[in-house]
Amino acid sequence: MTPYERARFVRAHTEILAPPLVPEVKLHLAHEALPIWQKTEEELGEIGLPPPFWAFAWAGGQALARHVLDHPALVRGKRVVDLASGSGLVGIAALKAGAKEVLAADIDLFAVAAMEINAALNGVAPRITSDNLLAHAAPRVDVILVGDLFYEQSLAATCFAWLTAAREEGATVFIGDPGRSYLPKDKLVSIATYAVPVTRDLEDAEIKKTSVWRLA
């Protein structure tokens, strides 16, 4: 599938909506999980794919984006990485808050298409990559933002080791998380908590208590 076809798919199966906690940002989002999940599998001719994470404003990302917009000094004038960016919500928020530059990374090529569309919709221009940043040393940046990535054990372990190494190289790390099973809370400092509206299609509640954490 070409980049043009992926972009067309994103536009065809989403609507322009504002995440409930972040009305300043508009995104192409899906109303329901199952239809777009099935459409993605049909389009790629593959069954058993992971959910189309890019099509939803996940609780961790909403909380982190809200926190960045409310506390712009965290990113203003700084080089930022938005890891596993999905829809691009957090990276877009960082640029709106005054980040000098944002690298938005996601290995899903549909997410890349969604990020490009959503960035243009919001009048910002992050650098976008499909490279697996976790496979290499972290780029030298000032801030790393991670929204809702600690839902699977091996991924969480890999991600946390990568973030720890990045912190040792001088990056400040902020994580938005609604209580996923593999978040190492004992190594983090909670700096804010939000009640985030989410979809019942994806979560076990309509409101998720979601914290923003700093890597200690």
N, C-alpha and C. Protein backbone atom coordinates (compact mmCIF):
# COMPACT_ATOMS: atom_id res chain seq x y z
N MET A 1 0.83 -1.19 0.00
CA MET A 1 0.00 0.00 0.00
C MET A 1 0.88 1.25 0.00
N THR A 2 0.55 2.20 -0.79
CA THR A 2 1.36 3.41 -0.92
C THR A 2 1.00 4.41 0.19
N PRO A 3 1.87 5.39 0.43
CA PRO A 3 1.53 6.44 1.40
C PRO A 3 0.21 7.14 1.06
N TYR A 4 -0.03 7.38 -0.22
CA TYR A 4 -1.27 8.02 -0.63
C TYR A 4 -2.48 7.17 -0.24
N GLU A 5 -2.38 5.86 -0.46
CA GLU A 5 -3.49 4.96 -0.13
C GLU A 5 -3.72 4.90 1.37
N ARG A 6 -2.64 4.91 2.14
CA ARG A 6 -2.81 4.90 3.59
C ARG A 6 -3.48 6.19 4.07
N ALA A 7 -3.06 7.32 3.50
CA ALA A 7 -3.68 8.59 3.88
C ALA A 7 -5.15 8.61 3.51
N ARG A 8 -5.48 8.07 2.35
CA ARG A 8 -6.88 8.00 1.92
C ARG A 8 -7.68 7.11 2.87
N PHE A 9 -7.09 6.01 3.31
CA PHE A 9 -7.75 5.11 4.26
C PHE A 9 -8.03 5.83 5.57
N VAL A 10 -7.04 6.56 6.08
CA VAL A 10 -7.23 7.29 7.34
C VAL A 10 -8.39 8.26 7.22
N ARG A 11 -8.42 9.02 6.15
CA ARG A 11 -9.48 10.02 5.98
C ARG A 11 -10.86 9.36 5.81
N ALA A 12 -10.88 8.22 5.12
CA ALA A 12 -12.15 7.57 4.81
C ALA A 12 -12.82 6.95 6.03
N HIS A 13 -12.01 6.55 7.02
CA HIS A 13 -12.56 5.78 8.14
C HIS A 13 -12.49 6.52 9.47
N THR A 14 -12.32 7.82 9.42
CA THR A 14 -12.29 8.63 10.64
C THR A 14 -13.08 9.92 10.43
N GLU A 15 -13.28 10.62 11.51
CA GLU A 15 -13.88 11.96 11.47
C GLU A 15 -12.95 12.91 12.20
N ILE A 16 -13.04 14.18 11.87
CA ILE A 16 -12.25 15.18 12.58
C ILE A 16 -12.95 15.49 13.90
N LEU A 17 -12.28 15.16 14.99
CA LEU A 17 -12.83 15.32 16.33
C LEU A 17 -11.77 15.90 17.25
N ALA A 18 -12.20 16.45 18.36
CA ALA A 18 -11.28 16.91 19.39
C ALA A 18 -11.29 15.91 20.54
N PRO A 19 -10.13 15.43 21.00
CA PRO A 19 -10.11 14.57 22.19
C PRO A 19 -10.76 15.31 23.36
N PRO A 20 -11.56 14.64 24.18
CA PRO A 20 -12.31 15.33 25.23
C PRO A 20 -11.47 16.19 26.17
N LEU A 21 -10.28 15.72 26.52
CA LEU A 21 -9.45 16.45 27.47
C LEU A 21 -8.57 17.49 26.79
N VAL A 22 -8.50 17.46 25.46
CA VAL A 22 -7.59 18.35 24.74
C VAL A 22 -8.35 19.00 23.58
N PRO A 23 -9.29 19.88 23.86
CA PRO A 23 -10.11 20.46 22.79
C PRO A 23 -9.33 21.37 21.84
N GLU A 24 -8.11 21.78 22.26
CA GLU A 24 -7.30 22.63 21.39
C GLU A 24 -6.78 21.90 20.16
N VAL A 25 -6.78 20.58 20.20
CA VAL A 25 -6.20 19.77 19.12
C VAL A 25 -7.32 19.03 18.39
N LYS A 26 -7.27 19.07 17.07
CA LYS A 26 -8.23 18.31 16.25
C LYS A 26 -7.49 17.14 15.61
N LEU A 27 -8.14 15.98 15.60
CA LEU A 27 -7.53 14.77 15.07
C LEU A 27 -8.53 14.00 14.22
N HIS A 28 -8.03 13.20 13.30
CA HIS A 28 -8.84 12.22 12.59
C HIS A 28 -8.96 10.99 13.50
N LEU A 29 -10.15 10.77 14.04
CA LEU A 29 -10.37 9.70 15.00
C LEU A 29 -11.56 8.84 14.59
N ALA A 30 -11.54 7.59 15.05
CA ALA A 30 -12.65 6.66 14.79
C ALA A 30 -13.61 6.68 15.97
N HIS A 31 -14.90 6.53 15.68
CA HIS A 31 -15.90 6.47 16.74
C HIS A 31 -15.88 5.13 17.45
N GLU A 32 -15.64 4.05 16.72
CA GLU A 32 -15.71 2.71 17.28
C GLU A 32 -14.46 1.92 16.88
N ALA A 33 -14.07 1.00 17.75
CA ALA A 33 -12.84 0.26 17.52
C ALA A 33 -13.01 -0.87 16.50
N LEU A 34 -14.06 -1.66 16.65
CA LEU A 34 -14.16 -2.89 15.85
C LEU A 34 -14.26 -2.62 14.35
N PRO A 35 -15.10 -1.70 13.88
CA PRO A 35 -15.19 -1.50 12.43
C PRO A 35 -13.86 -1.11 11.79
N ILE A 36 -13.14 -0.17 12.37
CA ILE A 36 -11.89 0.26 11.75
C ILE A 36 -10.82 -0.82 11.89
N TRP A 37 -10.88 -1.58 12.97
CA TRP A 37 -9.95 -2.71 13.15
C TRP A 37 -10.15 -3.72 12.02
N GLN A 38 -11.42 -4.06 11.77
CA GLN A 38 -11.73 -5.02 10.71
C GLN A 38 -11.35 -4.47 9.33
N LYS A 39 -11.61 -3.19 9.11
CA LYS A 39 -11.25 -2.57 7.83
C LYS A 39 -9.75 -2.59 7.60
N THR A 40 -8.98 -2.37 8.66
CA THR A 40 -7.51 -2.40 8.54
C THR A 40 -7.04 -3.79 8.15
N GLU A 41 -7.61 -4.81 8.79
CA GLU A 41 -7.21 -6.19 8.47
C GLU A 41 -7.61 -6.54 7.03
N GLU A 42 -8.78 -6.11 6.61
CA GLU A 42 -9.22 -6.38 5.24
C GLU A 42 -8.31 -5.68 4.23
N GLU A 43 -7.95 -4.45 4.53
CA GLU A 43 -7.13 -3.66 3.60
C GLU A 43 -5.75 -4.30 3.42
N LEU A 44 -5.21 -4.85 4.51
CA LEU A 44 -3.87 -5.43 4.46
C LEU A 44 -3.90 -6.93 4.18
N GLY A 45 -5.08 -7.52 4.16
CA GLY A 45 -5.19 -8.95 3.91
C GLY A 45 -4.55 -9.79 5.00
N GLU A 46 -4.66 -9.32 6.21
CA GLU A 46 -4.02 -10.02 7.33
C GLU A 46 -4.93 -9.97 8.55
N ILE A 47 -5.10 -11.12 9.20
CA ILE A 47 -5.95 -11.22 10.37
C ILE A 47 -5.06 -11.29 11.61
N GLY A 48 -5.56 -10.77 12.73
CA GLY A 48 -4.82 -10.83 13.98
C GLY A 48 -3.88 -9.65 14.20
N LEU A 49 -4.13 -8.57 13.49
CA LEU A 49 -3.31 -7.37 13.66
C LEU A 49 -3.63 -6.71 15.00
N PRO A 50 -2.69 -5.94 15.55
CA PRO A 50 -3.00 -5.17 16.75
C PRO A 50 -4.01 -4.09 16.44
N PRO A 51 -4.64 -3.52 17.45
CA PRO A 51 -5.62 -2.45 17.19
C PRO A 51 -4.98 -1.28 16.46
N PRO A 52 -5.77 -0.54 15.71
CA PRO A 52 -5.24 0.67 15.06
C PRO A 52 -5.10 1.78 16.10
N PHE A 53 -3.99 1.75 16.83
CA PHE A 53 -3.79 2.68 17.94
C PHE A 53 -3.91 4.14 17.49
N TRP A 54 -3.53 4.40 16.25
CA TRP A 54 -3.52 5.76 15.73
C TRP A 54 -4.91 6.38 15.59
N ALA A 55 -5.94 5.54 15.63
CA ALA A 55 -7.30 6.02 15.37
C ALA A 55 -8.03 6.46 16.63
N PHE A 56 -7.34 6.45 17.77
CA PHE A 56 -7.99 6.77 19.04
C PHE A 56 -7.10 7.67 19.88
N ALA A 57 -7.74 8.50 20.71
CA ALA A 57 -7.01 9.34 21.65
C ALA A 57 -6.98 8.60 22.98
N TRP A 58 -5.92 7.84 23.21
CA TRP A 58 -5.79 6.99 24.40
C TRP A 58 -5.61 7.85 25.65
N ALA A 59 -5.99 7.29 26.78
CA ALA A 59 -6.02 8.06 28.03
C ALA A 59 -4.65 8.64 28.38
N GLY A 60 -3.61 7.82 28.25
CA GLY A 60 -2.28 8.31 28.60
C GLY A 60 -1.84 9.47 27.74
N GLY A 61 -2.13 9.39 26.45
CA GLY A 61 -1.78 10.47 25.54
C GLY A 61 -2.57 11.74 25.81
N GLN A 62 -3.87 11.59 26.10
CA GLN A 62 -4.68 12.77 26.41
C GLN A 62 -4.15 13.48 27.66
N ALA A 63 -3.86 12.72 28.70
CA ALA A 63 -3.37 13.33 29.94
C ALA A 63 -2.03 14.03 29.72
N LEU A 64 -1.15 13.37 28.99
CA LEU A 64 0.17 13.95 28.74
C LEU A 64 0.07 15.21 27.88
N ALA A 65 -0.76 15.16 26.85
CA ALA A 65 -0.96 16.35 26.02
C ALA A 65 -1.54 17.50 26.82
N ARG A 66 -2.53 17.21 27.66
CA ARG A 66 -3.13 18.24 28.51
C ARG A 66 -2.08 18.87 29.43
N HIS A 67 -1.24 18.02 30.00
CA HIS A 67 -0.23 18.51 30.94
C HIS A 67 0.80 19.39 30.24
N VAL A 68 1.19 18.99 29.06
CA VAL A 68 2.16 19.78 28.29
C VAL A 68 1.57 21.14 27.91
N LEU A 69 0.33 21.15 27.48
CA LEU A 69 -0.30 22.42 27.11
C LEU A 69 -0.49 23.33 28.32
N ASP A 70 -0.77 22.74 29.47
CA ASP A 70 -0.97 23.54 30.69
C ASP A 70 0.34 23.97 31.33
N HIS A 71 1.43 23.29 30.99
CA HIS A 71 2.74 23.60 31.56
C HIS A 71 3.77 23.70 30.43
N PRO A 72 3.62 24.70 29.56
CA PRO A 72 4.44 24.78 28.36
C PRO A 72 5.94 24.90 28.61
N ALA A 73 6.31 25.35 29.79
CA ALA A 73 7.74 25.47 30.10
C ALA A 73 8.46 24.11 30.06
N LEU A 74 7.70 23.03 30.18
CA LEU A 74 8.30 21.70 30.11
C LEU A 74 8.95 21.44 28.75
N VAL A 75 8.41 22.06 27.70
CA VAL A 75 8.91 21.78 26.35
C VAL A 75 9.31 23.02 25.57
N ARG A 76 8.98 24.19 26.06
CA ARG A 76 9.21 25.41 25.27
C ARG A 76 10.69 25.57 24.91
N GLY A 77 10.94 25.72 23.61
CA GLY A 77 12.30 25.92 23.12
C GLY A 77 13.17 24.67 23.15
N LYS A 78 12.56 23.52 23.39
CA LYS A 78 13.33 22.28 23.57
C LYS A 78 13.13 21.31 22.42
N ARG A 79 14.10 20.39 22.30
CA ARG A 79 14.00 19.30 21.33
C ARG A 79 13.29 18.14 21.99
N VAL A 80 12.25 17.65 21.33
CA VAL A 80 11.35 16.68 21.96
C VAL A 80 11.18 15.46 21.07
N VAL A 81 11.11 14.28 21.69
CA VAL A 81 10.69 13.05 21.02
C VAL A 81 9.33 12.64 21.56
N ASP A 82 8.40 12.36 20.66
CA ASP A 82 7.11 11.77 21.01
C ASP A 82 7.18 10.31 20.59
N LEU A 83 7.38 9.44 21.56
CA LEU A 83 7.62 8.01 21.28
C LEU A 83 6.29 7.27 21.12
N ALA A 84 6.21 6.42 20.08
CA ALA A 84 4.97 5.69 19.78
C ALA A 84 3.81 6.67 19.67
N SER A 85 3.95 7.59 18.75
CA SER A 85 3.09 8.78 18.70
C SER A 85 1.64 8.47 18.33
N GLY A 86 1.38 7.40 17.57
CA GLY A 86 0.00 7.07 17.22
C GLY A 86 -0.65 8.13 16.36
N SER A 87 -1.64 8.81 16.90
CA SER A 87 -2.33 9.87 16.16
C SER A 87 -1.49 11.13 16.02
N GLY A 88 -0.44 11.25 16.84
CA GLY A 88 0.37 12.46 16.86
C GLY A 88 -0.05 13.46 17.91
N LEU A 89 -1.04 13.12 18.73
CA LEU A 89 -1.61 14.05 19.70
C LEU A 89 -0.56 14.71 20.58
N VAL A 90 0.31 13.92 21.20
CA VAL A 90 1.25 14.48 22.18
C VAL A 90 2.28 15.37 21.49
N GLY A 91 2.78 14.92 20.35
CA GLY A 91 3.75 15.74 19.61
C GLY A 91 3.15 17.04 19.13
N ILE A 92 1.90 17.00 18.68
CA ILE A 92 1.21 18.21 18.26
C ILE A 92 1.06 19.16 19.44
N ALA A 93 0.67 18.62 20.59
CA ALA A 93 0.54 19.45 21.79
C ALA A 93 1.87 20.10 22.16
N ALA A 94 2.97 19.34 22.03
CA ALA A 94 4.28 19.89 22.37
C ALA A 94 4.64 21.06 21.46
N LEU A 95 4.36 20.93 20.18
CA LEU A 95 4.64 22.03 19.25
C LEU A 95 3.74 23.23 19.54
N LYS A 96 2.49 23.00 19.87
CA LYS A 96 1.60 24.09 20.22
C LYS A 96 2.07 24.79 21.50
N ALA A 97 2.74 24.03 22.38
CA ALA A 97 3.25 24.59 23.63
C ALA A 97 4.60 25.27 23.46
N GLY A 98 5.16 25.25 22.23
CA GLY A 98 6.37 26.00 21.97
C GLY A 98 7.65 25.20 21.85
N ALA A 99 7.54 23.86 21.69
CA ALA A 99 8.75 23.06 21.50
C ALA A 99 9.52 23.55 20.27
N LYS A 100 10.83 23.52 20.38
CA LYS A 100 11.67 23.94 19.26
C LYS A 100 11.52 23.00 18.08
N GLU A 101 11.52 21.70 18.36
CA GLU A 101 11.31 20.69 17.33
C GLU A 101 10.79 19.42 17.98
N VAL A 102 10.02 18.67 17.23
CA VAL A 102 9.47 17.40 17.72
C VAL A 102 9.74 16.31 16.69
N LEU A 103 10.28 15.19 17.17
CA LEU A 103 10.39 13.98 16.37
C LEU A 103 9.28 13.05 16.84
N ALA A 104 8.29 12.80 15.97
CA ALA A 104 7.18 11.92 16.29
C ALA A 104 7.45 10.57 15.63
N ALA A 105 7.52 9.52 16.43
CA ALA A 105 7.93 8.20 15.93
C ALA A 105 6.86 7.16 16.18
N ASP A 106 6.59 6.35 15.16
CA ASP A 106 5.69 5.21 15.29
C ASP A 106 5.99 4.23 14.17
N ILE A 107 6.08 2.95 14.50
CA ILE A 107 6.45 1.95 13.49
C ILE A 107 5.28 1.58 12.59
N ASP A 108 4.06 1.95 12.96
CA ASP A 108 2.87 1.66 12.14
C ASP A 108 2.77 2.71 11.03
N LEU A 109 2.80 2.25 9.78
CA LEU A 109 2.76 3.18 8.66
C LEU A 109 1.42 3.90 8.54
N PHE A 110 0.34 3.29 9.04
CA PHE A 110 -0.93 4.01 9.10
C PHE A 110 -0.83 5.17 10.10
N ALA A 111 -0.12 4.93 11.21
CA ALA A 111 0.09 6.01 12.17
C ALA A 111 0.88 7.15 11.54
N VAL A 112 1.88 6.82 10.74
CA VAL A 112 2.65 7.85 10.04
C VAL A 112 1.73 8.70 9.17
N ALA A 113 0.83 8.03 8.44
CA ALA A 113 -0.12 8.76 7.60
C ALA A 113 -1.03 9.64 8.46
N ALA A 114 -1.51 9.07 9.57
CA ALA A 114 -2.39 9.85 10.45
C ALA A 114 -1.66 11.04 11.05
N MET A 115 -0.42 10.84 11.46
CA MET A 115 0.36 11.94 12.04
C MET A 115 0.54 13.07 11.04
N GLU A 116 0.85 12.72 9.81
CA GLU A 116 1.04 13.74 8.78
C GLU A 116 -0.24 14.54 8.56
N ILE A 117 -1.35 13.84 8.46
CA ILE A 117 -2.64 14.51 8.25
C ILE A 117 -3.00 15.37 9.46
N ASN A 118 -2.84 14.82 10.66
CA ASN A 118 -3.23 15.54 11.87
C ASN A 118 -2.32 16.74 12.13
N ALA A 119 -1.04 16.60 11.83
CA ALA A 119 -0.13 17.73 12.01
C ALA A 119 -0.54 18.89 11.11
N ALA A 120 -0.83 18.58 9.84
CA ALA A 120 -1.26 19.62 8.91
C ALA A 120 -2.57 20.26 9.36
N LEU A 121 -3.47 19.45 9.87
CA LEU A 121 -4.77 19.93 10.35
C LEU A 121 -4.59 20.96 11.47
N ASN A 122 -3.54 20.78 12.27
CA ASN A 122 -3.29 21.66 13.41
C ASN A 122 -2.23 22.73 13.14
N GLY A 123 -1.76 22.79 11.90
CA GLY A 123 -0.82 23.84 11.53
C GLY A 123 0.55 23.73 12.16
N VAL A 124 1.00 22.49 12.43
CA VAL A 124 2.33 22.27 12.98
C VAL A 124 3.08 21.29 12.10
N ALA A 125 4.39 21.20 12.31
CA ALA A 125 5.21 20.37 11.42
C ALA A 125 6.26 19.59 12.20
N PRO A 126 5.86 18.50 12.86
CA PRO A 126 6.87 17.64 13.48
C PRO A 126 7.66 16.89 12.41
N ARG A 127 8.86 16.44 12.78
CA ARG A 127 9.53 15.45 11.95
C ARG A 127 8.90 14.11 12.29
N ILE A 128 8.59 13.32 11.27
CA ILE A 128 7.87 12.06 11.47
C ILE A 128 8.70 10.91 10.94
N THR A 129 8.77 9.84 11.73
CA THR A 129 9.55 8.69 11.30
C THR A 129 8.82 7.40 11.66
N SER A 130 9.04 6.37 10.83
CA SER A 130 8.55 5.02 11.13
C SER A 130 9.66 4.14 11.69
N ASP A 131 10.84 4.71 11.92
CA ASP A 131 11.94 3.94 12.50
C ASP A 131 11.59 3.47 13.90
N ASN A 132 12.04 2.28 14.25
CA ASN A 132 11.88 1.77 15.61
C ASN A 132 12.97 2.38 16.48
N LEU A 133 12.65 3.45 17.15
CA LEU A 133 13.66 4.14 17.96
C LEU A 133 14.20 3.25 19.08
N LEU A 134 13.40 2.31 19.55
CA LEU A 134 13.84 1.44 20.64
C LEU A 134 14.95 0.48 20.23
N ALA A 135 15.17 0.35 18.93
CA ALA A 135 16.21 -0.55 18.44
C ALA A 135 17.58 0.11 18.43
N HIS A 136 17.64 1.38 18.78
CA HIS A 136 18.90 2.12 18.74
C HIS A 136 19.01 2.99 19.98
N ALA A 137 20.17 3.55 20.20
CA ALA A 137 20.31 4.52 21.29
C ALA A 137 19.40 5.70 21.03
N ALA A 138 18.85 6.25 22.11
CA ALA A 138 17.94 7.37 21.97
C ALA A 138 18.64 8.57 21.37
N PRO A 139 17.96 9.32 20.52
CA PRO A 139 18.56 10.55 19.99
C PRO A 139 18.80 11.54 21.12
N ARG A 140 19.79 12.40 20.93
CA ARG A 140 20.11 13.40 21.95
C ARG A 140 19.06 14.52 21.89
N VAL A 141 18.14 14.49 22.81
CA VAL A 141 17.08 15.49 22.88
C VAL A 141 16.93 15.95 24.33
N ASP A 142 16.09 16.96 24.51
CA ASP A 142 15.88 17.50 25.85
C ASP A 142 14.77 16.79 26.60
N VAL A 143 13.73 16.40 25.87
CA VAL A 143 12.53 15.83 26.50
C VAL A 143 12.04 14.65 25.68
N ILE A 144 11.63 13.58 26.37
CA ILE A 144 10.97 12.45 25.72
C ILE A 144 9.59 12.29 26.34
N LEU A 145 8.57 12.23 25.50
CA LEU A 145 7.18 12.09 25.93
C LEU A 145 6.66 10.72 25.50
N VAL A 146 6.03 10.03 26.42
CA VAL A 146 5.55 8.66 26.14
C VAL A 146 4.11 8.55 26.62
N GLY A 147 3.19 8.35 25.71
CA GLY A 147 1.79 8.21 26.08
C GLY A 147 1.31 6.77 25.95
N ASP A 148 1.02 6.14 27.11
CA ASP A 148 0.29 4.86 27.12
C ASP A 148 1.02 3.74 26.38
N LEU A 149 2.24 3.43 26.80
CA LEU A 149 3.02 2.42 26.10
C LEU A 149 3.36 1.21 26.98
N PHE A 150 2.82 1.16 28.20
CA PHE A 150 3.24 0.12 29.14
C PHE A 150 2.16 -0.95 29.33
N TYR A 151 1.56 -1.37 28.21
CA TYR A 151 0.46 -2.32 28.25
C TYR A 151 0.89 -3.76 27.99
N GLU A 152 2.14 -3.97 27.58
CA GLU A 152 2.63 -5.32 27.25
C GLU A 152 4.01 -5.50 27.89
N GLN A 153 4.24 -6.67 28.48
CA GLN A 153 5.39 -6.83 29.38
C GLN A 153 6.73 -6.62 28.70
N SER A 154 6.97 -7.30 27.59
CA SER A 154 8.28 -7.20 26.96
C SER A 154 8.51 -5.81 26.38
N LEU A 155 7.46 -5.23 25.79
CA LEU A 155 7.57 -3.87 25.27
C LEU A 155 7.87 -2.88 26.40
N ALA A 156 7.18 -3.04 27.52
CA ALA A 156 7.38 -2.14 28.65
C ALA A 156 8.82 -2.22 29.16
N ALA A 157 9.36 -3.44 29.24
CA ALA A 157 10.73 -3.60 29.73
C ALA A 157 11.74 -2.96 28.78
N THR A 158 11.55 -3.20 27.50
CA THR A 158 12.44 -2.61 26.50
C THR A 158 12.36 -1.09 26.52
N CYS A 159 11.13 -0.59 26.57
CA CYS A 159 10.91 0.85 26.57
C CYS A 159 11.54 1.50 27.80
N PHE A 160 11.36 0.89 28.96
CA PHE A 160 11.87 1.51 30.18
C PHE A 160 13.40 1.52 30.21
N ALA A 161 14.00 0.46 29.73
CA ALA A 161 15.47 0.45 29.66
C ALA A 161 15.97 1.55 28.72
N TRP A 162 15.30 1.72 27.61
CA TRP A 162 15.66 2.76 26.63
C TRP A 162 15.50 4.15 27.23
N LEU A 163 14.39 4.36 27.94
CA LEU A 163 14.14 5.65 28.57
C LEU A 163 15.16 5.94 29.67
N THR A 164 15.52 4.92 30.42
CA THR A 164 16.52 5.10 31.47
C THR A 164 17.86 5.52 30.89
N ALA A 165 18.24 4.89 29.79
CA ALA A 165 19.49 5.26 29.13
C ALA A 165 19.42 6.69 28.59
N ALA A 166 18.25 7.07 28.06
CA ALA A 166 18.08 8.43 27.54
C ALA A 166 18.17 9.45 28.67
N ARG A 167 17.60 9.14 29.80
CA ARG A 167 17.69 10.04 30.95
C ARG A 167 19.14 10.23 31.39
N GLU A 168 19.90 9.15 31.36
CA GLU A 168 21.31 9.24 31.75
C GLU A 168 22.11 10.11 30.79
N GLU A 169 21.58 10.27 29.56
CA GLU A 169 22.24 11.13 28.57
C GLU A 169 21.69 12.56 28.63
N GLY A 170 20.80 12.83 29.59
CA GLY A 170 20.36 14.19 29.80
C GLY A 170 18.93 14.50 29.46
N ALA A 171 18.17 13.54 28.93
CA ALA A 171 16.77 13.80 28.58
C ALA A 171 15.88 13.75 29.82
N THR A 172 14.88 14.60 29.84
CA THR A 172 13.83 14.52 30.85
C THR A 172 12.69 13.70 30.26
N VAL A 173 12.19 12.74 31.02
CA VAL A 173 11.20 11.80 30.50
C VAL A 173 9.87 11.98 31.23
N PHE A 174 8.80 12.16 30.45
CA PHE A 174 7.45 12.24 31.00
C PHE A 174 6.59 11.15 30.37
N ILE A 175 5.81 10.48 31.20
CA ILE A 175 4.98 9.35 30.76
C ILE A 175 3.53 9.61 31.18
N GLY A 176 2.61 9.44 30.23
CA GLY A 176 1.19 9.47 30.56
C GLY A 176 0.67 8.04 30.59
N ASP A 177 0.03 7.66 31.69
CA ASP A 177 -0.39 6.26 31.83
C ASP A 177 -1.62 6.14 32.72
N PRO A 178 -2.63 5.35 32.29
CA PRO A 178 -3.86 5.19 33.07
C PRO A 178 -3.86 3.95 33.96
N GLY A 179 -2.68 3.51 34.39
CA GLY A 179 -2.60 2.35 35.27
C GLY A 179 -2.40 1.05 34.54
N ARG A 180 -1.67 1.07 33.44
CA ARG A 180 -1.37 -0.17 32.72
C ARG A 180 -0.53 -1.10 33.61
N SER A 181 -0.63 -2.38 33.33
CA SER A 181 -0.07 -3.40 34.23
C SER A 181 1.43 -3.32 34.39
N TYR A 182 2.15 -2.86 33.36
CA TYR A 182 3.60 -3.00 33.38
C TYR A 182 4.33 -1.67 33.55
N LEU A 183 3.63 -0.66 34.05
CA LEU A 183 4.28 0.61 34.35
C LEU A 183 5.07 0.47 35.65
N PRO A 184 6.38 0.72 35.66
CA PRO A 184 7.20 0.57 36.88
C PRO A 184 7.06 1.79 37.79
N LYS A 185 5.95 1.88 38.49
CA LYS A 185 5.64 3.07 39.28
C LYS A 185 6.69 3.36 40.35
N ASP A 186 7.34 2.33 40.84
CA ASP A 186 8.32 2.54 41.90
C ASP A 186 9.56 3.30 41.42
N LYS A 187 9.72 3.42 40.12
CA LYS A 187 10.86 4.15 39.56
C LYS A 187 10.44 5.49 38.97
N LEU A 188 9.21 5.89 39.23
CA LEU A 188 8.65 7.11 38.66
C LEU A 188 8.12 8.02 39.75
N VAL A 189 7.96 9.29 39.41
CA VAL A 189 7.37 10.27 40.31
C VAL A 189 6.09 10.80 39.66
N SER A 190 4.96 10.67 40.34
CA SER A 190 3.70 11.17 39.82
C SER A 190 3.65 12.68 39.99
N ILE A 191 3.35 13.40 38.89
CA ILE A 191 3.34 14.86 38.97
C ILE A 191 1.97 15.46 38.69
N ALA A 192 1.03 14.67 38.19
CA ALA A 192 -0.33 15.16 37.94
C ALA A 192 -1.25 13.99 37.68
N THR A 193 -2.53 14.19 37.96
CA THR A 193 -3.54 13.16 37.69
C THR A 193 -4.77 13.80 37.06
N TYR A 194 -5.32 13.11 36.06
CA TYR A 194 -6.47 13.61 35.31
C TYR A 194 -7.55 12.54 35.22
N ALA A 195 -8.79 12.98 35.13
CA ALA A 195 -9.91 12.08 34.82
C ALA A 195 -10.17 12.21 33.32
N VAL A 196 -9.88 11.15 32.58
CA VAL A 196 -9.87 11.24 31.12
C VAL A 196 -11.06 10.47 30.53
N PRO A 197 -11.93 11.13 29.79
CA PRO A 197 -13.01 10.42 29.09
C PRO A 197 -12.44 9.56 27.96
N VAL A 198 -12.88 8.31 27.89
CA VAL A 198 -12.41 7.38 26.87
C VAL A 198 -13.59 6.57 26.35
N THR A 199 -13.32 5.76 25.33
CA THR A 199 -14.38 4.94 24.75
C THR A 199 -14.45 3.57 25.42
N ARG A 200 -15.66 3.11 25.66
CA ARG A 200 -15.88 1.78 26.24
C ARG A 200 -15.43 0.67 25.30
N ASP A 201 -15.29 0.98 24.03
CA ASP A 201 -14.81 -0.02 23.07
C ASP A 201 -13.40 -0.49 23.42
N LEU A 202 -12.63 0.37 24.04
CA LEU A 202 -11.22 0.09 24.27
C LEU A 202 -10.84 -0.05 25.73
N GLU A 203 -11.63 0.49 26.62
CA GLU A 203 -11.28 0.52 28.03
C GLU A 203 -12.37 -0.13 28.87
N ASP A 204 -12.08 -0.30 30.16
CA ASP A 204 -13.03 -0.93 31.08
C ASP A 204 -13.89 0.08 31.83
N ALA A 205 -13.75 1.35 31.46
CA ALA A 205 -14.53 2.40 32.10
C ALA A 205 -14.63 3.58 31.15
N GLU A 206 -15.63 4.44 31.36
CA GLU A 206 -15.78 5.60 30.49
C GLU A 206 -14.87 6.75 30.92
N ILE A 207 -14.42 6.72 32.17
CA ILE A 207 -13.46 7.70 32.69
C ILE A 207 -12.28 6.93 33.26
N LYS A 208 -11.08 7.26 32.80
CA LYS A 208 -9.88 6.60 33.31
C LYS A 208 -9.06 7.59 34.13
N LYS A 209 -8.80 7.24 35.38
CA LYS A 209 -7.87 8.04 36.19
C LYS A 209 -6.49 7.83 35.64
N THR A 210 -5.88 8.89 35.16
CA THR A 210 -4.65 8.80 34.40
C THR A 210 -3.61 9.76 34.98
N SER A 211 -2.41 9.27 35.19
CA SER A 211 -1.36 10.09 35.77
C SER A 211 -0.28 10.43 34.76
N VAL A 212 0.34 11.57 34.99
CA VAL A 212 1.57 11.93 34.29
C VAL A 212 2.71 11.72 35.26
N TRP A 213 3.70 11.00 34.79
CA TRP A 213 4.84 10.61 35.62
C TRP A 213 6.13 11.18 35.05
N ARG A 214 7.09 11.42 35.93
CA ARG A 214 8.44 11.78 35.51
C ARG A 214 9.38 10.68 35.93
N LEU A 215 10.28 10.30 35.02
CA LEU A 215 11.27 9.30 35.35
C LEU A 215 12.23 9.89 36.37
N ALA A 216 12.31 9.25 37.52
CA ALA A 216 13.05 9.82 38.67
C ALA A 216 14.54 9.83 38.40
